[in-house]
N, C-alpha and C. Protein backbone atom coordinates (compact mmCIF):
# COMPACT_ATOMS: atom_id res chain seq x y z
N MET A 1 -184.32 -110.05 33.91
CA MET A 1 -184.98 -109.56 32.81
C MET A 1 -185.46 -108.62 33.17
N THR A 2 -185.48 -107.96 34.57
CA THR A 2 -186.46 -106.74 35.01
C THR A 2 -184.83 -105.69 34.14
N ASN A 3 -183.87 -106.10 34.89
CA ASN A 3 -182.96 -105.58 34.37
C ASN A 3 -182.49 -105.10 33.21
N GLN A 4 -182.16 -106.04 32.32
CA GLN A 4 -182.89 -106.01 30.85
C GLN A 4 -183.69 -104.94 30.24
N ARG A 5 -184.84 -104.82 30.74
CA ARG A 5 -185.85 -104.01 30.65
C ARG A 5 -185.65 -102.70 30.88
N SER A 6 -184.81 -102.17 32.14
CA SER A 6 -184.36 -100.81 32.25
C SER A 6 -183.39 -100.81 31.43
N LYS A 7 -182.67 -100.86 30.99
CA LYS A 7 -181.37 -101.35 30.46
C LYS A 7 -182.22 -100.37 29.07
N PHE A 8 -182.55 -101.27 28.66
CA PHE A 8 -183.60 -101.09 27.13
C PHE A 8 -184.37 -99.70 27.40
N ILE A 9 -184.94 -99.83 28.66
CA ILE A 9 -186.22 -98.37 28.50
C ILE A 9 -184.92 -97.30 28.74
N ALA A 10 -183.54 -97.37 29.30
CA ALA A 10 -182.50 -96.52 29.63
C ALA A 10 -182.59 -96.10 28.57
N PHE A 11 -181.91 -97.14 27.38
CA PHE A 11 -181.03 -96.96 25.78
C PHE A 11 -182.47 -95.97 25.23
N ILE A 12 -183.76 -96.49 24.93
CA ILE A 12 -184.71 -96.09 24.55
C ILE A 12 -184.34 -94.54 24.28
N ASN A 13 -185.39 -93.75 26.10
CA ASN A 13 -185.16 -92.61 26.46
C ASN A 13 -184.19 -91.35 26.28
N ALA A 14 -183.06 -92.10 25.90
CA ALA A 14 -181.34 -91.73 26.03
C ALA A 14 -181.40 -91.39 24.47
N LEU A 15 -182.21 -91.87 23.41
CA LEU A 15 -182.20 -91.23 21.93
C LEU A 15 -182.57 -89.93 21.77
N PRO A 16 -181.66 -89.73 20.89
CA PRO A 16 -182.02 -88.02 20.29
C PRO A 16 -183.29 -87.99 19.57
N GLU A 17 -184.41 -87.58 19.56
CA GLU A 17 -185.48 -87.19 18.76
C GLU A 17 -185.27 -88.31 17.19
N GLU A 18 -184.15 -87.58 16.87
CA GLU A 18 -183.80 -87.82 15.68
C GLU A 18 -183.34 -89.24 14.98
N GLU A 19 -182.86 -89.92 16.24
CA GLU A 19 -182.48 -91.26 15.94
C GLU A 19 -183.83 -92.03 16.26
N LEU A 20 -183.92 -92.12 17.42
CA LEU A 20 -185.62 -92.51 17.41
C LEU A 20 -186.74 -93.06 16.00
N ASN A 21 -186.43 -91.76 15.32
CA ASN A 21 -187.17 -91.76 14.27
C ASN A 21 -186.61 -92.15 13.75
N GLU A 22 -185.13 -92.02 12.67
CA GLU A 22 -184.78 -92.99 12.91
C GLU A 22 -184.61 -94.51 12.39
N MET A 23 -185.05 -94.67 13.72
CA MET A 23 -185.69 -96.48 14.13
C MET A 23 -186.73 -97.36 13.73
N VAL A 24 -187.14 -95.78 13.58
CA VAL A 24 -188.85 -96.00 13.24
C VAL A 24 -188.94 -96.59 11.74
N HIS A 25 -188.15 -95.71 11.47
CA HIS A 25 -188.17 -95.31 9.44
C HIS A 25 -187.32 -96.67 8.93
N LEU A 26 -186.54 -96.75 9.84
CA LEU A 26 -185.61 -98.37 9.35
C LEU A 26 -186.79 -99.89 9.53
N GLY A 27 -187.36 -99.55 10.81
CA GLY A 27 -188.81 -100.25 11.42
C GLY A 27 -189.88 -100.59 9.56
N LYS A 28 -189.90 -99.31 9.12
CA LYS A 28 -190.87 -99.43 8.14
C LYS A 28 -190.05 -99.76 6.90
N LEU A 29 -189.02 -99.84 6.77
CA LEU A 29 -188.05 -99.81 5.44
C LEU A 29 -187.52 -101.56 5.28
N VAL A 30 -188.06 -102.07 6.51
CA VAL A 30 -187.74 -103.45 6.68
C VAL A 30 -189.06 -104.69 6.42
N GLY A 31 -190.28 -103.39 6.39
CA GLY A 31 -191.39 -103.89 6.12
C GLY A 31 -192.60 -104.25 7.20
N PHE A 32 -191.29 -103.31 9.06
CA PHE A 32 -191.98 -103.78 10.16
C PHE A 32 -193.86 -102.37 9.63
N ASN A 33 -194.74 -102.84 9.95
CA ASN A 33 -196.00 -101.89 9.74
C ASN A 33 -196.18 -101.59 11.04
N PRO A 34 -196.88 -100.96 12.01
CA PRO A 34 -197.72 -100.71 12.83
C PRO A 34 -199.34 -101.14 12.47
N ASN A 35 -199.60 -100.74 11.86
CA ASN A 35 -201.08 -100.71 11.05
C ASN A 35 -201.06 -101.95 10.25
N ASP A 36 -200.72 -102.92 10.09
CA ASP A 36 -200.81 -103.85 9.23
C ASP A 36 -201.92 -104.81 10.63
N SER A 37 -202.98 -105.62 9.71
CA SER A 37 -203.83 -106.26 10.63
C SER A 37 -203.37 -107.20 10.80
N ASP A 38 -202.30 -107.79 10.26
CA ASP A 38 -201.44 -109.50 11.02
C ASP A 38 -200.50 -109.52 12.07
N GLN A 39 -200.55 -108.25 12.36
CA GLN A 39 -199.88 -108.02 13.36
C GLN A 39 -200.29 -108.23 14.65
N THR A 40 -199.59 -109.06 15.04
CA THR A 40 -200.11 -110.12 16.45
C THR A 40 -199.46 -109.08 17.94
N ASP A 41 -198.62 -108.60 17.90
CA ASP A 41 -198.59 -108.26 18.88
C ASP A 41 -197.69 -106.21 18.50
N GLY A 42 -199.17 -105.30 19.32
CA GLY A 42 -199.47 -104.39 19.09
C GLY A 42 -200.81 -103.74 19.82
N TYR A 43 -200.70 -102.14 19.80
CA TYR A 43 -202.51 -101.71 20.46
C TYR A 43 -203.38 -102.01 18.96
N ASN A 44 -204.74 -102.71 20.08
CA ASN A 44 -205.76 -103.41 19.05
C ASN A 44 -207.31 -103.19 19.74
N PRO A 45 -207.53 -101.83 19.58
CA PRO A 45 -208.54 -101.66 20.20
C PRO A 45 -210.04 -102.63 20.69
N GLU A 46 -209.90 -103.34 19.82
CA GLU A 46 -210.92 -104.55 19.78
C GLU A 46 -209.80 -105.73 21.40
N LYS A 47 -208.98 -105.58 21.62
CA LYS A 47 -208.73 -106.59 22.73
C LYS A 47 -208.76 -105.27 24.05
N ALA A 48 -209.63 -104.47 24.15
CA ALA A 48 -209.69 -103.30 25.30
C ALA A 48 -210.58 -103.66 26.18
N ARG A 49 -210.49 -104.56 27.03
CA ARG A 49 -211.01 -105.00 28.03
C ARG A 49 -211.72 -103.88 29.69
N ILE A 50 -212.17 -102.93 28.36
CA ILE A 50 -212.75 -101.64 29.29
C ILE A 50 -214.15 -101.58 29.61
N ASP A 51 -214.53 -101.47 30.81
CA ASP A 51 -215.94 -101.21 30.97
C ASP A 51 -216.73 -99.71 30.14
N ALA A 52 -217.79 -99.57 29.58
CA ALA A 52 -218.14 -98.57 28.98
C ALA A 52 -218.30 -98.18 29.61
N ASP A 53 -218.42 -97.94 30.91
CA ASP A 53 -219.24 -97.37 32.23
C ASP A 53 -217.96 -96.58 32.55
N SER A 54 -217.26 -97.10 33.34
CA SER A 54 -215.55 -96.97 33.64
C SER A 54 -214.94 -96.26 32.63
N LEU A 55 -214.81 -96.28 31.28
CA LEU A 55 -214.36 -95.23 30.54
C LEU A 55 -214.74 -94.64 30.56
N ALA A 56 -216.39 -94.09 30.19
CA ALA A 56 -216.77 -92.97 30.26
C ALA A 56 -216.67 -92.25 31.43
N ASP A 57 -216.56 -92.83 32.53
CA ASP A 57 -216.48 -91.86 33.67
C ASP A 57 -215.06 -91.63 34.21
N PHE A 58 -214.20 -91.85 33.59
CA PHE A 58 -212.49 -91.59 33.54
C PHE A 58 -212.46 -90.42 32.67
N ILE A 59 -213.10 -90.25 31.21
CA ILE A 59 -213.27 -89.64 30.76
C ILE A 59 -213.43 -88.40 30.69
N ARG A 60 -214.56 -88.61 32.07
CA ARG A 60 -215.73 -87.16 31.84
C ARG A 60 -215.19 -86.65 33.57
N ALA A 61 -214.08 -87.16 34.15
CA ALA A 61 -214.09 -86.74 35.36
C ALA A 61 -212.54 -86.37 35.24
N PRO A 62 -212.58 -85.27 36.13
CA PRO A 62 -211.23 -84.56 36.18
C PRO A 62 -210.39 -85.83 36.70
N ILE A 63 -209.23 -85.00 36.36
CA ILE A 63 -207.28 -86.19 36.46
C ILE A 63 -206.89 -85.70 37.96
N THR A 64 -207.22 -86.68 38.26
CA THR A 64 -206.64 -86.40 39.94
C THR A 64 -205.28 -86.73 40.48
N GLY A 65 -204.82 -87.45 39.22
CA GLY A 65 -203.30 -87.50 39.64
C GLY A 65 -203.09 -89.62 39.83
N VAL A 66 -203.96 -89.83 40.24
CA VAL A 66 -203.53 -91.22 41.06
C VAL A 66 -203.68 -92.10 39.67
N LEU A 67 -202.58 -93.02 39.68
CA LEU A 67 -202.69 -93.24 38.13
C LEU A 67 -203.87 -94.80 38.46
N THR A 68 -203.88 -95.21 39.61
CA THR A 68 -205.29 -96.66 39.14
C THR A 68 -206.32 -95.42 38.76
N GLU A 69 -206.86 -94.36 38.87
CA GLU A 69 -207.46 -93.68 38.04
C GLU A 69 -208.05 -94.12 36.96
N VAL A 70 -206.86 -94.55 35.99
CA VAL A 70 -206.76 -95.09 34.45
C VAL A 70 -207.03 -96.26 34.09
N PRO A 71 -208.72 -96.58 33.50
CA PRO A 71 -208.95 -97.63 33.74
C PRO A 71 -207.86 -98.79 32.89
N GLY A 72 -207.65 -99.78 33.48
CA GLY A 72 -206.68 -100.68 33.70
C GLY A 72 -205.26 -100.54 34.11
N ILE A 73 -205.27 -100.07 35.30
CA ILE A 73 -204.35 -99.94 35.82
C ILE A 73 -204.64 -99.81 37.56
N GLY A 74 -203.78 -101.08 37.88
CA GLY A 74 -204.36 -101.34 39.40
C GLY A 74 -202.77 -100.97 39.95
N PRO A 75 -203.05 -101.36 41.38
CA PRO A 75 -201.98 -101.24 41.92
C PRO A 75 -200.41 -101.99 41.34
N LYS A 76 -200.61 -103.40 41.22
CA LYS A 76 -199.37 -103.90 40.23
C LYS A 76 -198.69 -102.89 39.61
N THR A 77 -199.57 -102.99 38.13
CA THR A 77 -198.93 -102.06 37.44
C THR A 77 -198.66 -100.39 37.86
N ALA A 78 -199.30 -99.96 38.85
CA ALA A 78 -198.94 -98.60 39.44
C ALA A 78 -197.62 -98.96 39.36
N LYS A 79 -196.84 -99.80 40.35
CA LYS A 79 -195.35 -100.30 41.09
C LYS A 79 -194.58 -100.17 40.09
N GLN A 80 -194.85 -101.41 38.63
CA GLN A 80 -194.83 -101.19 37.91
C GLN A 80 -194.30 -100.08 36.33
N LEU A 81 -195.25 -99.00 36.68
CA LEU A 81 -194.48 -97.83 35.74
C LEU A 81 -193.71 -96.74 36.68
N ALA A 82 -193.91 -97.12 38.31
CA ALA A 82 -192.93 -96.34 38.57
C ALA A 82 -191.29 -96.58 39.02
N LYS A 83 -191.04 -97.83 38.29
CA LYS A 83 -189.78 -98.50 38.29
C LYS A 83 -188.92 -97.96 37.62
N GLY A 84 -187.55 -98.28 37.28
CA GLY A 84 -186.63 -97.84 36.25
C GLY A 84 -186.80 -96.23 35.82
N THR A 85 -185.43 -96.30 34.63
CA THR A 85 -184.89 -94.96 34.81
C THR A 85 -186.12 -93.64 34.29
N ASP A 86 -187.32 -94.63 33.73
CA ASP A 86 -188.27 -93.24 33.50
C ASP A 86 -189.31 -93.22 34.22
N PRO A 87 -189.68 -93.47 35.23
CA PRO A 87 -190.25 -93.58 35.98
C PRO A 87 -191.97 -93.08 36.13
N ILE A 88 -192.97 -93.36 35.77
CA ILE A 88 -194.17 -92.11 35.98
C ILE A 88 -195.25 -93.58 37.27
N VAL A 89 -195.44 -91.82 37.93
CA VAL A 89 -196.05 -91.85 39.03
C VAL A 89 -197.09 -91.21 39.55
N ASN A 90 -197.61 -90.62 38.33
CA ASN A 90 -199.31 -90.06 38.23
C ASN A 90 -199.65 -90.07 36.94
N THR A 91 -201.11 -89.58 36.63
CA THR A 91 -201.58 -89.54 35.38
C THR A 91 -201.14 -88.69 34.78
N PHE A 92 -200.82 -87.59 35.02
CA PHE A 92 -200.28 -86.16 34.66
C PHE A 92 -198.61 -86.70 33.37
N GLN A 93 -198.42 -87.93 34.24
CA GLN A 93 -196.79 -88.15 33.79
C GLN A 93 -197.01 -89.01 32.42
N LEU A 94 -197.69 -89.83 32.58
CA LEU A 94 -198.75 -91.03 31.59
C LEU A 94 -199.42 -90.51 30.37
N ILE A 95 -200.23 -88.98 30.39
CA ILE A 95 -200.87 -88.51 30.23
C ILE A 95 -199.91 -88.01 29.09
N GLY A 96 -198.62 -87.26 29.98
CA GLY A 96 -197.15 -86.52 29.22
C GLY A 96 -196.30 -87.09 28.54
N LYS A 97 -196.01 -88.64 28.22
CA LYS A 97 -195.65 -90.16 27.67
C LYS A 97 -196.28 -89.99 26.79
N TYR A 98 -197.88 -90.21 26.66
CA TYR A 98 -198.73 -90.84 25.83
C TYR A 98 -197.99 -88.94 24.75
N LEU A 99 -197.92 -88.23 25.02
CA LEU A 99 -198.21 -87.20 23.90
C LEU A 99 -196.45 -87.17 23.27
N MET A 100 -195.89 -87.07 24.33
CA MET A 100 -194.02 -87.30 23.84
C MET A 100 -194.04 -88.28 22.25
N LEU A 101 -194.88 -88.95 22.40
CA LEU A 101 -194.70 -90.12 21.66
C LEU A 101 -195.47 -89.81 20.22
N LYS A 102 -196.21 -88.65 20.54
CA LYS A 102 -197.05 -88.28 18.98
C LYS A 102 -196.01 -88.03 17.76
N SER A 103 -194.92 -88.12 17.46
CA SER A 103 -193.57 -88.00 17.09
C SER A 103 -194.59 -87.47 15.32
N ASN A 104 -193.15 -87.20 14.79
CA ASN A 104 -193.42 -86.40 13.26
C ASN A 104 -192.63 -87.73 12.60
N ASP A 105 -193.24 -87.67 11.31
CA ASP A 105 -192.74 -88.50 10.46
C ASP A 105 -191.63 -88.52 9.92
N GLN A 106 -191.15 -89.31 9.84
CA GLN A 106 -189.45 -89.05 9.16
C GLN A 106 -189.51 -88.32 7.71
N GLU A 107 -190.21 -89.67 7.01
CA GLU A 107 -190.76 -88.65 5.25
C GLU A 107 -190.86 -87.32 5.57
N THR A 108 -192.38 -87.47 5.87
CA THR A 108 -193.02 -86.22 5.49
C THR A 108 -193.16 -84.87 6.51
N ASP A 109 -192.57 -85.42 7.68
CA ASP A 109 -192.48 -84.68 8.67
C ASP A 109 -193.96 -83.68 9.34
N VAL A 110 -195.01 -84.62 9.45
CA VAL A 110 -196.34 -84.05 10.01
C VAL A 110 -196.45 -85.75 10.91
N PRO A 111 -196.79 -84.96 11.66
CA PRO A 111 -197.35 -86.07 13.35
C PRO A 111 -197.76 -87.32 12.23
N ILE A 112 -197.56 -88.54 13.13
CA ILE A 112 -198.10 -89.29 12.82
C ILE A 112 -199.49 -90.10 13.39
N GLU A 113 -199.81 -91.05 12.13
CA GLU A 113 -201.33 -90.86 12.41
C GLU A 113 -201.06 -91.92 13.71
N CYS A 114 -202.60 -92.21 13.66
CA CYS A 114 -203.44 -92.09 15.60
C CYS A 114 -202.96 -93.96 15.97
N GLN A 115 -202.86 -94.73 14.25
CA GLN A 115 -202.78 -95.88 14.59
C GLN A 115 -201.17 -96.37 15.14
N TYR A 116 -200.56 -95.78 14.61
CA TYR A 116 -198.72 -95.61 14.95
C TYR A 116 -198.46 -95.80 16.13
N HIS A 117 -199.20 -93.98 16.19
CA HIS A 117 -198.88 -93.34 17.60
C HIS A 117 -199.43 -94.32 18.59
N CYS A 118 -200.65 -94.71 18.83
CA CYS A 118 -201.08 -96.16 19.80
C CYS A 118 -200.36 -97.20 20.28
N ASP A 119 -199.76 -97.71 19.02
CA ASP A 119 -199.05 -99.00 18.76
C ASP A 119 -197.88 -98.52 19.14
N LYS A 120 -196.65 -97.14 19.40
CA LYS A 120 -195.58 -96.82 20.32
C LYS A 120 -196.05 -96.72 21.09
N PHE A 121 -197.12 -95.94 22.26
CA PHE A 121 -197.43 -96.33 23.45
C PHE A 121 -197.78 -97.41 24.10
N TRP A 122 -198.36 -98.75 23.55
CA TRP A 122 -198.76 -99.95 23.64
C TRP A 122 -197.13 -100.84 23.52
N HIS A 123 -195.94 -100.65 22.70
CA HIS A 123 -194.89 -101.44 23.17
C HIS A 123 -194.08 -100.60 24.06
N TRP A 124 -194.48 -98.78 24.57
CA TRP A 124 -193.80 -98.73 25.73
C TRP A 124 -194.19 -98.82 27.14
N LEU A 125 -195.52 -98.65 27.15
CA LEU A 125 -195.83 -99.79 28.23
C LEU A 125 -195.34 -100.89 28.13
N LYS A 126 -195.33 -101.65 27.08
CA LYS A 126 -194.68 -103.49 27.26
C LYS A 126 -193.11 -103.64 27.69
N ALA A 127 -192.91 -102.46 26.84
CA ALA A 127 -190.90 -102.39 27.61
C ALA A 127 -190.66 -101.94 29.38
N LYS A 128 -192.11 -100.78 29.47
CA LYS A 128 -192.03 -100.33 30.83
C LYS A 128 -192.27 -101.99 31.66
N GLY A 129 -193.07 -102.59 31.46
CA GLY A 129 -193.18 -104.21 32.25
C GLY A 129 -194.57 -104.39 32.31
N VAL A 130 -195.51 -103.57 31.65
CA VAL A 130 -196.80 -103.45 31.79
C VAL A 130 -197.24 -104.94 31.69
N GLU A 131 -197.71 -106.03 31.59
CA GLU A 131 -198.22 -107.85 31.17
C GLU A 131 -199.38 -107.66 30.80
N THR A 132 -200.83 -106.86 31.60
CA THR A 132 -202.13 -106.63 31.21
C THR A 132 -202.90 -105.87 30.71
N HIS A 133 -203.71 -105.18 29.80
CA HIS A 133 -204.65 -104.19 30.29
C HIS A 133 -203.92 -103.45 29.48
N ARG A 134 -202.68 -103.71 28.27
CA ARG A 134 -202.18 -102.43 27.18
C ARG A 134 -203.29 -101.99 26.27
N SER A 135 -203.35 -102.46 26.29
CA SER A 135 -204.43 -102.05 25.08
C SER A 135 -205.88 -101.25 25.64
N GLY A 136 -206.58 -101.54 26.94
CA GLY A 136 -206.80 -100.67 27.27
C GLY A 136 -206.62 -99.34 27.61
N ILE A 137 -205.77 -98.89 28.66
CA ILE A 137 -204.63 -98.40 29.21
C ILE A 137 -204.73 -97.63 28.14
N VAL A 138 -204.17 -97.73 26.76
CA VAL A 138 -204.04 -96.90 25.36
C VAL A 138 -205.49 -96.35 25.38
N MET A 139 -206.25 -97.37 25.17
CA MET A 139 -207.60 -96.27 24.62
C MET A 139 -208.00 -95.43 26.22
N ALA A 140 -207.96 -95.43 27.45
CA ALA A 140 -207.87 -94.91 28.19
C ALA A 140 -207.70 -93.08 27.83
N ILE A 141 -205.98 -93.56 27.99
CA ILE A 141 -205.50 -92.45 27.92
C ILE A 141 -205.66 -91.61 26.98
N ALA A 142 -205.82 -92.37 25.65
CA ALA A 142 -205.91 -91.30 23.94
C ALA A 142 -207.29 -91.12 23.87
N GLU A 143 -208.18 -91.59 25.02
CA GLU A 143 -209.45 -90.87 24.53
C GLU A 143 -209.81 -89.93 25.40
N LYS A 144 -208.51 -90.09 26.38
CA LYS A 144 -208.67 -88.77 27.53
C LYS A 144 -208.16 -87.66 27.06
N ALA A 145 -207.07 -88.26 25.89
CA ALA A 145 -206.14 -87.03 25.39
C ALA A 145 -206.93 -86.15 24.38
N ASN A 146 -207.64 -87.17 23.31
CA ASN A 146 -208.72 -86.53 22.82
C ASN A 146 -210.34 -85.74 23.61
N THR A 147 -210.41 -85.65 24.83
CA THR A 147 -211.23 -84.72 24.95
C THR A 147 -210.36 -83.33 25.33
N MET A 148 -209.01 -83.18 25.72
CA MET A 148 -208.69 -82.20 25.60
C MET A 148 -208.21 -81.42 24.35
N MET A 149 -207.52 -82.39 23.35
CA MET A 149 -207.22 -82.44 21.82
C MET A 149 -207.73 -82.61 21.13
N PRO A 150 -209.30 -82.16 20.82
CA PRO A 150 -209.90 -83.31 19.66
C PRO A 150 -209.17 -83.98 18.39
N GLY A 151 -209.03 -84.65 17.88
CA GLY A 151 -208.66 -85.14 16.86
C GLY A 151 -207.60 -86.13 17.03
N MET A 152 -207.10 -86.55 17.99
CA MET A 152 -205.53 -86.96 18.56
C MET A 152 -206.01 -88.10 18.45
N TYR A 153 -207.52 -88.93 18.79
CA TYR A 153 -207.53 -90.31 19.22
C TYR A 153 -208.80 -90.86 17.98
N ASP A 154 -209.17 -91.61 17.61
CA ASP A 154 -210.35 -91.59 16.65
C ASP A 154 -210.37 -93.42 16.50
N ASP A 155 -211.45 -93.93 17.02
CA ASP A 155 -211.35 -95.46 17.30
C ASP A 155 -212.09 -95.86 15.68
N ILE A 156 -212.58 -94.95 14.75
CA ILE A 156 -212.73 -95.37 13.35
C ILE A 156 -211.76 -95.57 12.40
N ASP A 157 -209.77 -94.94 13.00
CA ASP A 157 -209.01 -95.16 12.45
C ASP A 157 -208.27 -97.03 12.17
N PHE A 158 -209.32 -97.96 13.30
CA PHE A 158 -208.60 -98.76 13.39
C PHE A 158 -209.53 -100.27 12.69
N ASN A 159 -210.49 -99.62 12.13
CA ASN A 159 -211.29 -100.78 11.28
C ASN A 159 -211.08 -101.15 9.91
């Protein structure tokens, strides 16, 4: 299973941006909607089990680079993120991956909406083998990125 996951991640990472966007576009055509409230598999801020104080501390603090500074990432998750063809070994790389997934919409050529962006990051974490706290990790990284680039994330978009 891990070998298949690594191959899948390598395949996704090897795709040119145009082809990845085309896959997302095809998903929309066949009815995949990451914003659909009936969707059970994807980012949901209500499923983020992060202590409010821990999240606030992470948002206020400077980034050290140690992955376990991100709420929801423990030693096991940090090891999982470091595996495979797209190893993430520090917080800067994780934020960078989050930002890289903020692509443009195929039809409108404007950046994708917050909900879709968070869902893409959630699914990327899942493909990396992160089994727990995905929604919390997405929320922490999205909130941190929003402090640096206001407007990237707003939990009101999910109500």
